[in-house]
Amino acid sequence: MSGPRYSRRAVAVGGGIAVALGLTAVGVTVPRLLHHRYRPSPNDDLFAYLVDRDAAVRVGKAVEMPPPNHLTFDLAGGLRKSLKGRTLAEATHEDLAKGLVVEVKGWVLPATVAGLAMLAAQES
């Protein structure tokens, strides 16, 4: 009695699926391994709202802000209060509705986004 025989088509399809799954796993894992890692911070809960922290740092450095340690705790506390129980989209929508915007080198940003960027720049 011999084992089951597989057709070439079945082997090719199975192999293709295995290769696709492997490439997907590599595509998801490698960028995370190569991405810039930041030291742990007490504000990591706020930075979780950011999709690209490196871009936020660049924007935050462009914002005219007070000396680094002057408003870090006030800024973080205000952001936590603003974002508590809400998504970033909800907070920015409210900022825009209230007219709370900041201009950064010609870009008009909601105050919450500008605050997160400033905090990311201070922490970097």
PDB file of N, CA and C in Angstrom:
ATOM      1  N   MET A   1       0.830  -1.164   0.000  1.00  0.00           N
ATOM      2  CA  MET A   1       0.000   0.000   0.000  1.00  0.00           C
ATOM      3  C   MET A   1       0.882   1.238   0.000  1.00  0.00           C
ATOM      4  N   SER A   2       0.701   2.052  -0.960  1.00  0.00           N
ATOM      5  CA  SER A   2       1.489   3.275  -1.028  1.00  0.00           C
ATOM      6  C   SER A   2       0.669   4.445  -0.522  1.00  0.00           C
ATOM      7  N   GLY A   3       1.364   5.509  -0.150  1.00  0.00           N
ATOM      8  CA  GLY A   3       0.693   6.699   0.370  1.00  0.00           C
ATOM      9  C   GLY A   3      -0.065   7.437  -0.717  1.00  0.00           C
ATOM     10  N   PRO A   4      -0.771   8.482  -0.351  1.00  0.00           N
ATOM     11  CA  PRO A   4      -1.542   9.233  -1.339  1.00  0.00           C
ATOM     12  C   PRO A   4      -0.621   9.912  -2.346  1.00  0.00           C
ATOM     13  N   ARG A   5      -1.088  10.002  -3.574  1.00  0.00           N
ATOM     14  CA  ARG A   5      -0.322  10.661  -4.624  1.00  0.00           C
ATOM     15  C   ARG A   5      -0.892  12.064  -4.813  1.00  0.00           C
ATOM     16  N   TYR A   6      -0.034  13.036  -4.934  1.00  0.00           N
ATOM     17  CA  TYR A   6      -0.451  14.420  -5.136  1.00  0.00           C
ATOM     18  C   TYR A   6      -0.146  14.823  -6.569  1.00  0.00           C
ATOM     19  N   SER A   7      -1.059  15.519  -7.167  1.00  0.00           N
ATOM     20  CA  SER A   7      -0.835  15.974  -8.537  1.00  0.00           C
ATOM     21  C   SER A   7       0.135  17.152  -8.529  1.00  0.00           C
ATOM     22  N   ARG A   8       0.700  17.441  -9.677  1.00  0.00           N
ATOM     23  CA  ARG A   8       1.619  18.577  -9.788  1.00  0.00           C
ATOM     24  C   ARG A   8       0.903  19.877  -9.464  1.00  0.00           C
ATOM     25  N   ARG A   9      -0.341  19.977  -9.883  1.00  0.00           N
ATOM     26  CA  ARG A   9      -1.122  21.188  -9.626  1.00  0.00           C
ATOM     27  C   ARG A   9      -1.291  21.410  -8.113  1.00  0.00           C
ATOM     28  N   ALA A  10      -1.611  20.350  -7.391  1.00  0.00           N
ATOM     29  CA  ALA A  10      -1.802  20.473  -5.941  1.00  0.00           C
ATOM     30  C   ALA A  10      -0.496  20.878  -5.254  1.00  0.00           C
ATOM     31  N   VAL A  11       0.609  20.297  -5.684  1.00  0.00           N
ATOM     32  CA  VAL A  11       1.912  20.636  -5.104  1.00  0.00           C
ATOM     33  C   VAL A  11       2.278  22.083  -5.438  1.00  0.00           C
ATOM     34  N   ALA A  12       2.025  22.511  -6.687  1.00  0.00           N
ATOM     35  CA  ALA A  12       2.352  23.883  -7.087  1.00  0.00           C
ATOM     36  C   ALA A  12       1.507  24.899  -6.312  1.00  0.00           C
ATOM     37  N   VAL A  13       0.212  24.629  -6.166  1.00  0.00           N
ATOM     38  CA  VAL A  13      -0.664  25.544  -5.432  1.00  0.00           C
ATOM     39  C   VAL A  13      -0.262  25.584  -3.962  1.00  0.00           C
ATOM     40  N   GLY A  14      -0.040  24.448  -3.359  1.00  0.00           N
ATOM     41  CA  GLY A  14       0.376  24.400  -1.955  1.00  0.00           C
ATOM     42  C   GLY A  14       1.702  25.109  -1.730  1.00  0.00           C
ATOM     43  N   GLY A  15       2.640  24.889  -2.645  1.00  0.00           N
ATOM     44  CA  GLY A  15       3.939  25.573  -2.543  1.00  0.00           C
ATOM     45  C   GLY A  15       3.799  27.071  -2.701  1.00  0.00           C
ATOM     46  N   GLY A  16       2.937  27.494  -3.631  1.00  0.00           N
ATOM     47  CA  GLY A  16       2.711  28.932  -3.834  1.00  0.00           C
ATOM     48  C   GLY A  16       2.101  29.583  -2.605  1.00  0.00           C
ATOM     49  N   ILE A  17       1.164  28.898  -1.987  1.00  0.00           N
ATOM     50  CA  ILE A  17       0.549  29.431  -0.759  1.00  0.00           C
ATOM     51  C   ILE A  17       1.583  29.528   0.354  1.00  0.00           C
ATOM     52  N   ALA A  18       2.414  28.504   0.487  1.00  0.00           N
ATOM     53  CA  ALA A  18       3.453  28.528   1.514  1.00  0.00           C
ATOM     54  C   ALA A  18       4.436  29.681   1.294  1.00  0.00           C
ATOM     55  N   VAL A  19       4.836  29.901   0.057  1.00  0.00           N
ATOM     56  CA  VAL A  19       5.752  31.002  -0.267  1.00  0.00           C
ATOM     57  C   VAL A  19       5.086  32.347   0.032  1.00  0.00           C
ATOM     58  N   ALA A  20       3.820  32.493  -0.349  1.00  0.00           N
ATOM     59  CA  ALA A  20       3.103  33.754  -0.097  1.00  0.00           C
ATOM     60  C   ALA A  20       2.999  34.037   1.395  1.00  0.00           C
ATOM     61  N   LEU A  21       2.691  33.022   2.183  1.00  0.00           N
ATOM     62  CA  LEU A  21       2.618  33.212   3.637  1.00  0.00           C
ATOM     63  C   LEU A  21       3.981  33.578   4.220  1.00  0.00           C
ATOM     64  N   GLY A  22       5.022  32.928   3.726  1.00  0.00           N
ATOM     65  CA  GLY A  22       6.371  33.241   4.199  1.00  0.00           C
ATOM     66  C   GLY A  22       6.781  34.661   3.870  1.00  0.00           C
ATOM     67  N   LEU A  23       6.490  35.110   2.644  1.00  0.00           N
ATOM     68  CA  LEU A  23       6.831  36.479   2.246  1.00  0.00           C
ATOM     69  C   LEU A  23       6.019  37.506   3.043  1.00  0.00           C
ATOM     70  N   THR A  24       4.772  37.180   3.335  1.00  0.00           N
ATOM     71  CA  THR A  24       3.953  38.078   4.144  1.00  0.00           C
ATOM     72  C   THR A  24       4.538  38.208   5.539  1.00  0.00           C
ATOM     73  N   ALA A  25       4.943  37.097   6.127  1.00  0.00           N
ATOM     74  CA  ALA A  25       5.536  37.132   7.468  1.00  0.00           C
ATOM     75  C   ALA A  25       6.820  37.951   7.480  1.00  0.00           C
ATOM     76  N   VAL A  26       7.642  37.787   6.461  1.00  0.00           N
ATOM     77  CA  VAL A  26       8.882  38.565   6.366  1.00  0.00           C
ATOM     78  C   VAL A  26       8.564  40.045   6.157  1.00  0.00           C
ATOM     79  N   GLY A  27       7.589  40.341   5.305  1.00  0.00           N
ATOM     80  CA  GLY A  27       7.219  41.729   5.027  1.00  0.00           C
ATOM     81  C   GLY A  27       6.666  42.448   6.237  1.00  0.00           C
ATOM     82  N   VAL A  28       6.033  41.727   7.135  1.00  0.00           N
ATOM     83  CA  VAL A  28       5.491  42.342   8.347  1.00  0.00           C
ATOM     84  C   VAL A  28       6.570  42.477   9.415  1.00  0.00           C
ATOM     85  N   THR A  29       7.458  41.507   9.507  1.00  0.00           N
ATOM     86  CA  THR A  29       8.446  41.468  10.580  1.00  0.00           C
ATOM     87  C   THR A  29       9.654  42.363  10.329  1.00  0.00           C
ATOM     88  N   VAL A  30      10.212  42.343   9.144  1.00  0.00           N
ATOM     89  CA  VAL A  30      11.463  43.058   8.873  1.00  0.00           C
ATOM     90  C   VAL A  30      11.351  44.566   9.118  1.00  0.00           C
ATOM     91  N   PRO A  31      10.305  45.259   8.636  1.00  0.00           N
ATOM     92  CA  PRO A  31      10.241  46.692   8.920  1.00  0.00           C
ATOM     93  C   PRO A  31      10.200  47.009  10.419  1.00  0.00           C
ATOM     94  N   ARG A  32       9.564  46.166  11.192  1.00  0.00           N
ATOM     95  CA  ARG A  32       9.525  46.396  12.644  1.00  0.00           C
ATOM     96  C   ARG A  32      10.896  46.227  13.263  1.00  0.00           C
ATOM     97  N   LEU A  33      11.690  45.305  12.738  1.00  0.00           N
ATOM     98  CA  LEU A  33      13.028  45.096  13.270  1.00  0.00           C
ATOM     99  C   LEU A  33      13.975  46.232  12.890  1.00  0.00           C
ATOM    100  N   LEU A  34      13.768  46.809  11.713  1.00  0.00           N
ATOM    101  CA  LEU A  34      14.657  47.864  11.231  1.00  0.00           C
ATOM    102  C   LEU A  34      14.213  49.259  11.651  1.00  0.00           C
ATOM    103  N   HIS A  35      13.025  49.381  12.218  1.00  0.00           N
ATOM    104  CA  HIS A  35      12.480  50.679  12.597  1.00  0.00           C
ATOM    105  C   HIS A  35      13.235  51.244  13.790  1.00  0.00           C
ATOM    106  N   HIS A  36      13.304  52.553  13.860  1.00  0.00           N
ATOM    107  CA  HIS A  36      13.977  53.226  14.961  1.00  0.00           C
ATOM    108  C   HIS A  36      13.288  52.892  16.279  1.00  0.00           C
ATOM    109  N   ARG A  37      14.063  52.509  17.259  1.00  0.00           N
ATOM    110  CA  ARG A  37      13.503  52.199  18.576  1.00  0.00           C
ATOM    111  C   ARG A  37      13.803  53.348  19.523  1.00  0.00           C
ATOM    112  N   TYR A  38      12.813  53.714  20.275  1.00  0.00           N
ATOM    113  CA  TYR A  38      12.957  54.787  21.242  1.00  0.00           C
ATOM    114  C   TYR A  38      13.054  54.206  22.636  1.00  0.00           C
ATOM    115  N   ARG A  39      13.749  54.913  23.505  1.00  0.00           N
ATOM    116  CA  ARG A  39      13.837  54.448  24.887  1.00  0.00           C
ATOM    117  C   ARG A  39      12.453  54.562  25.533  1.00  0.00           C
ATOM    118  N   PRO A  40      12.175  53.728  26.512  1.00  0.00           N
ATOM    119  CA  PRO A  40      10.870  53.803  27.180  1.00  0.00           C
ATOM    120  C   PRO A  40      10.661  55.181  27.801  1.00  0.00           C
ATOM    121  N   SER A  41       9.429  55.627  27.769  1.00  0.00           N
ATOM    122  CA  SER A  41       9.090  56.960  28.238  1.00  0.00           C
ATOM    123  C   SER A  41       7.807  56.897  29.046  1.00  0.00           C
ATOM    124  N   PRO A  42       7.632  57.796  29.997  1.00  0.00           N
ATOM    125  CA  PRO A  42       6.356  57.834  30.714  1.00  0.00           C
ATOM    126  C   PRO A  42       5.200  58.285  29.820  1.00  0.00           C
ATOM    127  N   ASN A  43       5.515  58.765  28.635  1.00  0.00           N
ATOM    128  CA  ASN A  43       4.482  59.248  27.708  1.00  0.00           C
ATOM    129  C   ASN A  43       4.208  58.279  26.567  1.00  0.00           C
ATOM    130  N   ASP A  44       4.621  57.032  26.698  1.00  0.00           N
ATOM    131  CA  ASP A  44       4.394  56.053  25.638  1.00  0.00           C
ATOM    132  C   ASP A  44       2.910  55.829  25.370  1.00  0.00           C
ATOM    133  N   ASP A  45       2.078  56.033  26.383  1.00  0.00           N
ATOM    134  CA  ASP A  45       0.633  55.889  26.159  1.00  0.00           C
ATOM    135  C   ASP A  45       0.134  56.927  25.158  1.00  0.00           C
ATOM    136  N   LEU A  46       0.734  58.106  25.166  1.00  0.00           N
ATOM    137  CA  LEU A  46       0.353  59.144  24.198  1.00  0.00           C
ATOM    138  C   LEU A  46       0.960  58.872  22.829  1.00  0.00           C
ATOM    139  N   PHE A  47       2.195  58.377  22.814  1.00  0.00           N
ATOM    140  CA  PHE A  47       2.863  58.117  21.540  1.00  0.00           C
ATOM    141  C   PHE A  47       2.214  56.953  20.788  1.00  0.00           C
ATOM    142  N   ALA A  48       1.432  56.143  21.477  1.00  0.00           N
ATOM    143  CA  ALA A  48       0.726  55.050  20.811  1.00  0.00           C
ATOM    144  C   ALA A  48      -0.298  55.589  19.809  1.00  0.00           C
ATOM    145  N   TYR A  49      -0.717  56.835  19.970  1.00  0.00           N
ATOM    146  CA  TYR A  49      -1.651  57.447  19.018  1.00  0.00           C
ATOM    147  C   TYR A  49      -0.976  57.785  17.692  1.00  0.00           C
ATOM    148  N   LEU A  50       0.349  57.886  17.688  1.00  0.00           N
ATOM    149  CA  LEU A  50       1.079  58.295  16.489  1.00  0.00           C
ATOM    150  C   LEU A  50       1.328  57.109  15.570  1.00  0.00           C
ATOM    151  N   VAL A  51       1.089  57.305  14.293  1.00  0.00           N
ATOM    152  CA  VAL A  51       1.366  56.270  13.307  1.00  0.00           C
ATOM    153  C   VAL A  51       2.858  56.259  12.995  1.00  0.00           C
ATOM    154  N   ASP A  52       3.455  57.430  12.846  1.00  0.00           N
ATOM    155  CA  ASP A  52       4.870  57.554  12.497  1.00  0.00           C
ATOM    156  C   ASP A  52       5.518  58.535  13.464  1.00  0.00           C
ATOM    157  N   ARG A  53       6.165  58.001  14.482  1.00  0.00           N
ATOM    158  CA  ARG A  53       6.764  58.864  15.506  1.00  0.00           C
ATOM    159  C   ARG A  53       7.927  59.682  14.954  1.00  0.00           C
ATOM    160  N   ASP A  54       8.670  59.124  14.001  1.00  0.00           N
ATOM    161  CA  ASP A  54       9.788  59.867  13.411  1.00  0.00           C
ATOM    162  C   ASP A  54       9.288  61.130  12.711  1.00  0.00           C
ATOM    163  N   ALA A  55       8.188  61.016  11.988  1.00  0.00           N
ATOM    164  CA  ALA A  55       7.614  62.192  11.323  1.00  0.00           C
ATOM    165  C   ALA A  55       7.105  63.184  12.353  1.00  0.00           C
ATOM    166  N   ALA A  56       6.528  62.683  13.433  1.00  0.00           N
ATOM    167  CA  ALA A  56       6.045  63.572  14.495  1.00  0.00           C
ATOM    168  C   ALA A  56       7.196  64.330  15.143  1.00  0.00           C
ATOM    169  N   VAL A  57       8.330  63.677  15.291  1.00  0.00           N
ATOM    170  CA  VAL A  57       9.511  64.358  15.860  1.00  0.00           C
ATOM    171  C   VAL A  57       9.951  65.495  14.945  1.00  0.00           C
ATOM    172  N   ARG A  58       9.962  65.246  13.631  1.00  0.00           N
ATOM    173  CA  ARG A  58      10.366  66.297  12.683  1.00  0.00           C
ATOM    174  C   ARG A  58       9.402  67.483  12.733  1.00  0.00           C
ATOM    175  N   VAL A  59       8.110  67.200  12.792  1.00  0.00           N
ATOM    176  CA  VAL A  59       7.122  68.274  12.881  1.00  0.00           C
ATOM    177  C   VAL A  59       7.262  68.999  14.209  1.00  0.00           C
ATOM    178  N   GLY A  60       7.428  68.245  15.284  1.00  0.00           N
ATOM    179  CA  GLY A  60       7.555  68.845  16.612  1.00  0.00           C
ATOM    180  C   GLY A  60       8.759  69.753  16.735  1.00  0.00           C
ATOM    181  N   LYS A  61       9.840  69.428  16.057  1.00  0.00           N
ATOM    182  CA  LYS A  61      11.026  70.293  16.091  1.00  0.00           C
ATOM    183  C   LYS A  61      10.786  71.591  15.336  1.00  0.00           C
ATOM    184  N   ALA A  62       9.864  71.565  14.385  1.00  0.00           N
ATOM    185  CA  ALA A  62       9.556  72.771  13.612  1.00  0.00           C
ATOM    186  C   ALA A  62       8.618  73.711  14.361  1.00  0.00           C
ATOM    187  N   VAL A  63       7.894  73.183  15.347  1.00  0.00           N
ATOM    188  CA  VAL A  63       6.977  74.012  16.131  1.00  0.00           C
ATOM    189  C   VAL A  63       7.798  74.875  17.076  1.00  0.00           C
ATOM    190  N   GLU A  64       7.461  76.153  17.118  1.00  0.00           N
ATOM    191  CA  GLU A  64       8.154  77.025  18.066  1.00  0.00           C
ATOM    192  C   GLU A  64       7.639  76.692  19.452  1.00  0.00           C
ATOM    193  N   MET A  65       8.548  76.241  20.310  1.00  0.00           N
ATOM    194  CA  MET A  65       8.125  75.810  21.634  1.00  0.00           C
ATOM    195  C   MET A  65       9.048  76.360  22.701  1.00  0.00           C
ATOM    196  N   PRO A  66       8.591  76.352  23.942  1.00  0.00           N
ATOM    197  CA  PRO A  66       9.406  76.812  25.055  1.00  0.00           C
ATOM    198  C   PRO A  66      10.559  75.852  25.322  1.00  0.00           C
ATOM    199  N   PRO A  67      11.452  76.189  26.248  1.00  0.00           N
ATOM    200  CA  PRO A  67      12.561  75.288  26.568  1.00  0.00           C
ATOM    201  C   PRO A  67      12.040  73.877  26.880  1.00  0.00           C
ATOM    202  N   PRO A  68      12.812  72.844  26.545  1.00  0.00           N
ATOM    203  CA  PRO A  68      12.334  71.466  26.582  1.00  0.00           C
ATOM    204  C   PRO A  68      11.652  71.015  27.875  1.00  0.00           C
ATOM    205  N   ASN A  69      12.181  71.320  29.016  1.00  0.00           N
ATOM    206  CA  ASN A  69      11.608  70.789  30.243  1.00  0.00           C
ATOM    207  C   ASN A  69      10.536  71.689  30.848  1.00  0.00           C
ATOM    208  N   HIS A  70      10.306  72.840  30.252  1.00  0.00           N
ATOM    209  CA  HIS A  70       9.400  73.820  30.838  1.00  0.00           C
ATOM    210  C   HIS A  70       7.947  73.346  30.865  1.00  0.00           C
ATOM    211  N   LEU A  71       7.451  72.822  29.745  1.00  0.00           N
ATOM    212  CA  LEU A  71       6.037  72.455  29.673  1.00  0.00           C
ATOM    213  C   LEU A  71       5.785  70.980  29.402  1.00  0.00           C
ATOM    214  N   THR A  72       6.792  70.132  29.562  1.00  0.00           N
ATOM    215  CA  THR A  72       6.619  68.726  29.226  1.00  0.00           C
ATOM    216  C   THR A  72       5.483  68.101  30.019  1.00  0.00           C
ATOM    217  N   PHE A  73       5.455  68.309  31.326  1.00  0.00           N
ATOM    218  CA  PHE A  73       4.423  67.681  32.152  1.00  0.00           C
ATOM    219  C   PHE A  73       3.063  68.310  31.897  1.00  0.00           C
ATOM    220  N   ASP A  74       3.010  69.648  31.734  1.00  0.00           N
ATOM    221  CA  ASP A  74       1.736  70.302  31.445  1.00  0.00           C
ATOM    222  C   ASP A  74       1.193  69.848  30.093  1.00  0.00           C
ATOM    223  N   LEU A  75       2.072  69.741  29.110  1.00  0.00           N
ATOM    224  CA  LEU A  75       1.661  69.321  27.767  1.00  0.00           C
ATOM    225  C   LEU A  75       1.143  67.885  27.796  1.00  0.00           C
ATOM    226  N   ALA A  76       1.886  66.988  28.439  1.00  0.00           N
ATOM    227  CA  ALA A  76       1.467  65.586  28.509  1.00  0.00           C
ATOM    228  C   ALA A  76       0.145  65.457  29.273  1.00  0.00           C
ATOM    229  N   GLY A  77       0.011  66.172  30.358  1.00  0.00           N
ATOM    230  CA  GLY A  77      -1.226  66.120  31.132  1.00  0.00           C
ATOM    231  C   GLY A  77      -2.421  66.643  30.344  1.00  0.00           C
ATOM    232  N   GLY A  78      -2.210  67.734  29.625  1.00  0.00           N
ATOM    233  CA  GLY A  78      -3.274  68.297  28.803  1.00  0.00           C
ATOM    234  C   GLY A  78      -3.679  67.362  27.675  1.00  0.00           C
ATOM    235  N   LEU A  79      -2.694  66.699  27.079  1.00  0.00           N
ATOM    236  CA  LEU A  79      -2.994  65.754  26.002  1.00  0.00           C
ATOM    237  C   LEU A  79      -3.752  64.544  26.538  1.00  0.00           C
ATOM    238  N   ARG A  80      -3.348  64.050  27.714  1.00  0.00           N
ATOM    239  CA  ARG A  80      -4.066  62.916  28.306  1.00  0.00           C
ATOM    240  C   ARG A  80      -5.518  63.289  28.590  1.00  0.00           C
ATOM    241  N   LYS A  81      -5.703  64.491  29.097  1.00  0.00           N
ATOM    242  CA  LYS A  81      -7.059  64.957  29.400  1.00  0.00           C
ATOM    243  C   LYS A  81      -7.876  65.094  28.108  1.00  0.00           C
ATOM    244  N   SER A  82      -7.248  65.624  27.064  1.00  0.00           N
ATOM    245  CA  SER A  82      -7.923  65.829  25.785  1.00  0.00           C
ATOM    246  C   SER A  82      -8.270  64.510  25.100  1.00  0.00           C
ATOM    247  N   LEU A  83      -7.399  63.504  25.241  1.00  0.00           N
ATOM    248  CA  LEU A  83      -7.576  62.245  24.527  1.00  0.00           C
ATOM    249  C   LEU A  83      -8.278  61.165  25.346  1.00  0.00           C
ATOM    250  N   LYS A  84      -8.536  61.424  26.605  1.00  0.00           N
ATOM    251  CA  LYS A  84      -9.088  60.387  27.488  1.00  0.00           C
ATOM    252  C   LYS A  84     -10.400  59.822  26.933  1.00  0.00           C
ATOM    253  N   GLY A  85     -10.383  58.524  26.654  1.00  0.00           N
ATOM    254  CA  GLY A  85     -11.573  57.842  26.179  1.00  0.00           C
ATOM    255  C   GLY A  85     -11.969  58.158  24.749  1.00  0.00           C
ATOM    256  N   ARG A  86     -11.083  58.824  24.000  1.00  0.00           N
ATOM    257  CA  ARG A  86     -11.409  59.191  22.618  1.00  0.00           C
ATOM    258  C   ARG A  86     -10.286  58.769  21.697  1.00  0.00           C
ATOM    259  N   THR A  87     -10.605  58.717  20.431  1.00  0.00           N
ATOM    260  CA  THR A  87      -9.573  58.451  19.432  1.00  0.00           C
ATOM    261  C   THR A  87      -8.922  59.772  19.041  1.00  0.00           C
ATOM    262  N   LEU A  88      -7.787  59.679  18.386  1.00  0.00           N
ATOM    263  CA  LEU A  88      -7.112  60.880  17.912  1.00  0.00           C
ATOM    264  C   LEU A  88      -7.977  61.603  16.884  1.00  0.00           C
ATOM    265  N   ALA A  89      -8.691  60.848  16.059  1.00  0.00           N
ATOM    266  CA  ALA A  89      -9.564  61.461  15.051  1.00  0.00           C
ATOM    267  C   ALA A  89     -10.671  62.283  15.711  1.00  0.00           C
ATOM    268  N   GLU A  90     -11.252  61.770  16.786  1.00  0.00           N
ATOM    269  CA  GLU A  90     -12.304  62.507  17.491  1.00  0.00           C
ATOM    270  C   GLU A  90     -11.752  63.784  18.114  1.00  0.00           C
ATOM    271  N   ALA A  91     -10.565  63.690  18.714  1.00  0.00           N
ATOM    272  CA  ALA A  91      -9.961  64.865  19.343  1.00  0.00           C
ATOM    273  C   ALA A  91      -9.593  65.921  18.306  1.00  0.00           C
ATOM    274  N   THR A  92      -9.047  65.502  17.171  1.00  0.00           N
ATOM    275  CA  THR A  92      -8.678  66.482  16.142  1.00  0.00           C
ATOM    276  C   THR A  92      -9.921  67.094  15.499  1.00  0.00           C
ATOM    277  N   HIS A  93     -10.973  66.309  15.352  1.00  0.00           N
ATOM    278  CA  HIS A  93     -12.229  66.844  14.810  1.00  0.00           C
ATOM    279  C   HIS A  93     -12.764  67.942  15.737  1.00  0.00           C
ATOM    280  N   GLU A  94     -12.709  67.702  17.025  1.00  0.00           N
ATOM    281  CA  GLU A  94     -13.162  68.712  17.988  1.00  0.00           C
ATOM    282  C   GLU A  94     -12.271  69.957  17.939  1.00  0.00           C
ATOM    283  N   ASP A  95     -10.944  69.744  17.822  1.00  0.00           N
ATOM    284  CA  ASP A  95     -10.020  70.885  17.704  1.00  0.00           C
ATOM    285  C   ASP A  95     -10.380  71.749  16.504  1.00  0.00           C
ATOM    286  N   LEU A  96     -10.642  71.104  15.376  1.00  0.00           N
ATOM    287  CA  LEU A  96     -10.975  71.851  14.160  1.00  0.00           C
ATOM    288  C   LEU A  96     -12.307  72.575  14.307  1.00  0.00           C
ATOM    289  N   ALA A  97     -13.265  71.935  14.949  1.00  0.00           N
ATOM    290  CA  ALA A  97     -14.574  72.569  15.143  1.00  0.00           C
ATOM    291  C   ALA A  97     -14.464  73.795  16.045  1.00  0.00           C
ATOM    292  N   LYS A  98     -13.548  73.749  17.024  1.00  0.00           N
ATOM    293  CA  LYS A  98     -13.359  74.874  17.948  1.00  0.00           C
ATOM    294  C   LYS A  98     -12.358  75.901  17.417  1.00  0.00           C
ATOM    295  N   GLY A  99     -11.711  75.579  16.304  1.00  0.00           N
ATOM    296  CA  GLY A  99     -10.717  76.504  15.744  1.00  0.00           C
ATOM    297  C   GLY A  99      -9.372  76.437  16.446  1.00  0.00           C
ATOM    298  N   LEU A 100      -9.104  75.353  17.151  1.00  0.00           N
ATOM    299  CA  LEU A 100      -7.825  75.182  17.847  1.00  0.00           C
ATOM    300  C   LEU A 100      -6.807  74.584  16.880  1.00  0.00           C
ATOM    301  N   VAL A 101      -6.117  75.469  16.174  1.00  0.00           N
ATOM    302  CA  VAL A 101      -5.144  75.028  15.179  1.00  0.00           C
ATOM    303  C   VAL A 101      -3.813  75.730  15.411  1.00  0.00           C
ATOM    304  N   VAL A 102      -2.762  75.117  14.902  1.00  0.00           N
ATOM    305  CA  VAL A 102      -1.401  75.651  15.013  1.00  0.00           C
ATOM    306  C   VAL A 102      -0.798  75.641  13.624  1.00  0.00           C
ATOM    307  N   GLU A 103      -0.119  76.715  13.254  1.00  0.00           N
ATOM    308  CA  GLU A 103       0.554  76.763  11.956  1.00  0.00           C
ATOM    309  C   GLU A 103       2.009  76.378  12.146  1.00  0.00           C
ATOM    310  N   VAL A 104       2.458  75.414  11.351  1.00  0.00           N
ATOM    311  CA  VAL A 104       3.833  74.938  11.410  1.00  0.00           C
ATOM    312  C   VAL A 104       4.396  74.962  10.004  1.00  0.00           C
ATOM    313  N   LYS A 105       5.235  75.959   9.730  1.00  0.00           N
ATOM    314  CA  LYS A 105       5.873  76.104   8.420  1.00  0.00           C
ATOM    315  C   LYS A 105       4.868  76.003   7.279  1.00  0.00           C
ATOM    316  N   GLY A 106       3.765  76.701   7.401  1.00  0.00           N
ATOM    317  CA  GLY A 106       2.768  76.735   6.351  1.00  0.00           C
ATOM    318  C   GLY A 106       1.697  75.653   6.455  1.00  0.00           C
ATOM    319  N   TRP A 107       1.893  74.678   7.310  1.00  0.00           N
ATOM    320  CA  TRP A 107       0.907  73.624   7.514  1.00  0.00           C
ATOM    321  C   TRP A 107       0.019  74.016   8.683  1.00  0.00           C
ATOM    322  N   VAL A 108      -1.271  73.795   8.558  1.00  0.00           N
ATOM    323  CA  VAL A 108      -2.200  74.072   9.641  1.00  0.00           C
ATOM    324  C   VAL A 108      -2.583  72.734  10.278  1.00  0.00           C
ATOM    325  N   LEU A 109      -2.225  72.581  11.547  1.00  0.00           N
ATOM    326  CA  LEU A 109      -2.464  71.322  12.252  1.00  0.00           C
ATOM    327  C   LEU A 109      -3.414  71.525  13.418  1.00  0.00           C
ATOM    328  N   PRO A 110      -4.230  70.522  13.727  1.00  0.00           N
ATOM    329  CA  PRO A 110      -5.035  70.593  14.946  1.00  0.00           C
ATOM    330  C   PRO A 110      -4.103  70.655  16.162  1.00  0.00           C
ATOM    331  N   ALA A 111      -4.544  71.342  17.193  1.00  0.00           N
ATOM    332  CA  ALA A 111      -3.701  71.552  18.375  1.00  0.00           C
ATOM    333  C   ALA A 111      -3.265  70.235  19.014  1.00  0.00           C
ATOM    334  N   THR A 112      -4.127  69.234  19.011  1.00  0.00           N
ATOM    335  CA  THR A 112      -3.767  67.948  19.614  1.00  0.00           C
ATOM    336  C   THR A 112      -2.622  67.288  18.856  1.00  0.00           C
ATOM    337  N   VAL A 113      -2.674  67.325  17.545  1.00  0.00           N
ATOM    338  CA  VAL A 113      -1.603  66.734  16.731  1.00  0.00           C
ATOM    339  C   VAL A 113      -0.304  67.510  16.936  1.00  0.00           C
ATOM    340  N   ALA A 114      -0.385  68.823  16.955  1.00  0.00           N
ATOM    341  CA  ALA A 114       0.811  69.641  17.189  1.00  0.00           C
ATOM    342  C   ALA A 114       1.381  69.368  18.577  1.00  0.00           C
ATOM    343  N   GLY A 115       0.515  69.194  19.559  1.00  0.00           N
ATOM    344  CA  GLY A 115       0.980  68.885  20.916  1.00  0.00           C
ATOM    345  C   GLY A 115       1.681  67.540  20.988  1.00  0.00           C
ATOM    346  N   LEU A 116       1.118  66.539  20.334  1.00  0.00           N
ATOM    347  CA  LEU A 116       1.778  65.226  20.302  1.00  0.00           C
ATOM    348  C   LEU A 116       3.129  65.314  19.606  1.00  0.00           C
ATOM    349  N   ALA A 117       3.205  66.095  18.541  1.00  0.00           N
ATOM    350  CA  ALA A 117       4.470  66.250  17.818  1.00  0.00           C
ATOM    351  C   ALA A 117       5.502  66.969  18.682  1.00  0.00           C
ATOM    352  N   MET A 118       5.067  68.015  19.392  1.00  0.00           N
ATOM    353  CA  MET A 118       5.991  68.728  20.278  1.00  0.00           C
ATOM    354  C   MET A 118       6.504  67.809  21.379  1.00  0.00           C
ATOM    355  N   LEU A 119       5.620  67.017  21.965  1.00  0.00           N
ATOM    356  CA  LEU A 119       6.026  66.092  23.025  1.00  0.00           C
ATOM    357  C   LEU A 119       6.988  65.038  22.492  1.00  0.00           C
ATOM    358  N   ALA A 120       6.730  64.533  21.282  1.00  0.00           N
ATOM    359  CA  ALA A 120       7.634  63.548  20.670  1.00  0.00           C
ATOM    360  C   ALA A 120       9.007  64.166  20.424  1.00  0.00           C
ATOM    361  N   ALA A 121       9.039  65.427  19.999  1.00  0.00           N
ATOM    362  CA  ALA A 121      10.327  66.099  19.763  1.00  0.00           C
ATOM    363  C   ALA A 121      11.084  66.296  21.066  1.00  0.00           C
ATOM    364  N   GLN A 122      10.369  66.640  22.130  1.00  0.00           N
ATOM    365  CA  GLN A 122      11.023  66.829  23.430  1.00  0.00           C
ATOM    366  C   GLN A 122      11.571  65.537  23.976  1.00  0.00           C
ATOM    367  N   GLU A 123      10.905  64.425  23.694  1.00  0.00           N
ATOM    368  CA  GLU A 123      11.328  63.122  24.223  1.00  0.00           C
ATOM    369  C   GLU A 123      12.424  62.473  23.390  1.00  0.00           C
ATOM    370  N   SER A 124      12.626  62.960  22.161  1.00  0.00           N
ATOM    371  CA  SER A 124      13.615  62.295  21.285  1.00  0.00           C
ATOM    372  C   SER A 124      15.023  62.700  21.623  1.00  0.00           C
TER     373      SER A 124
END
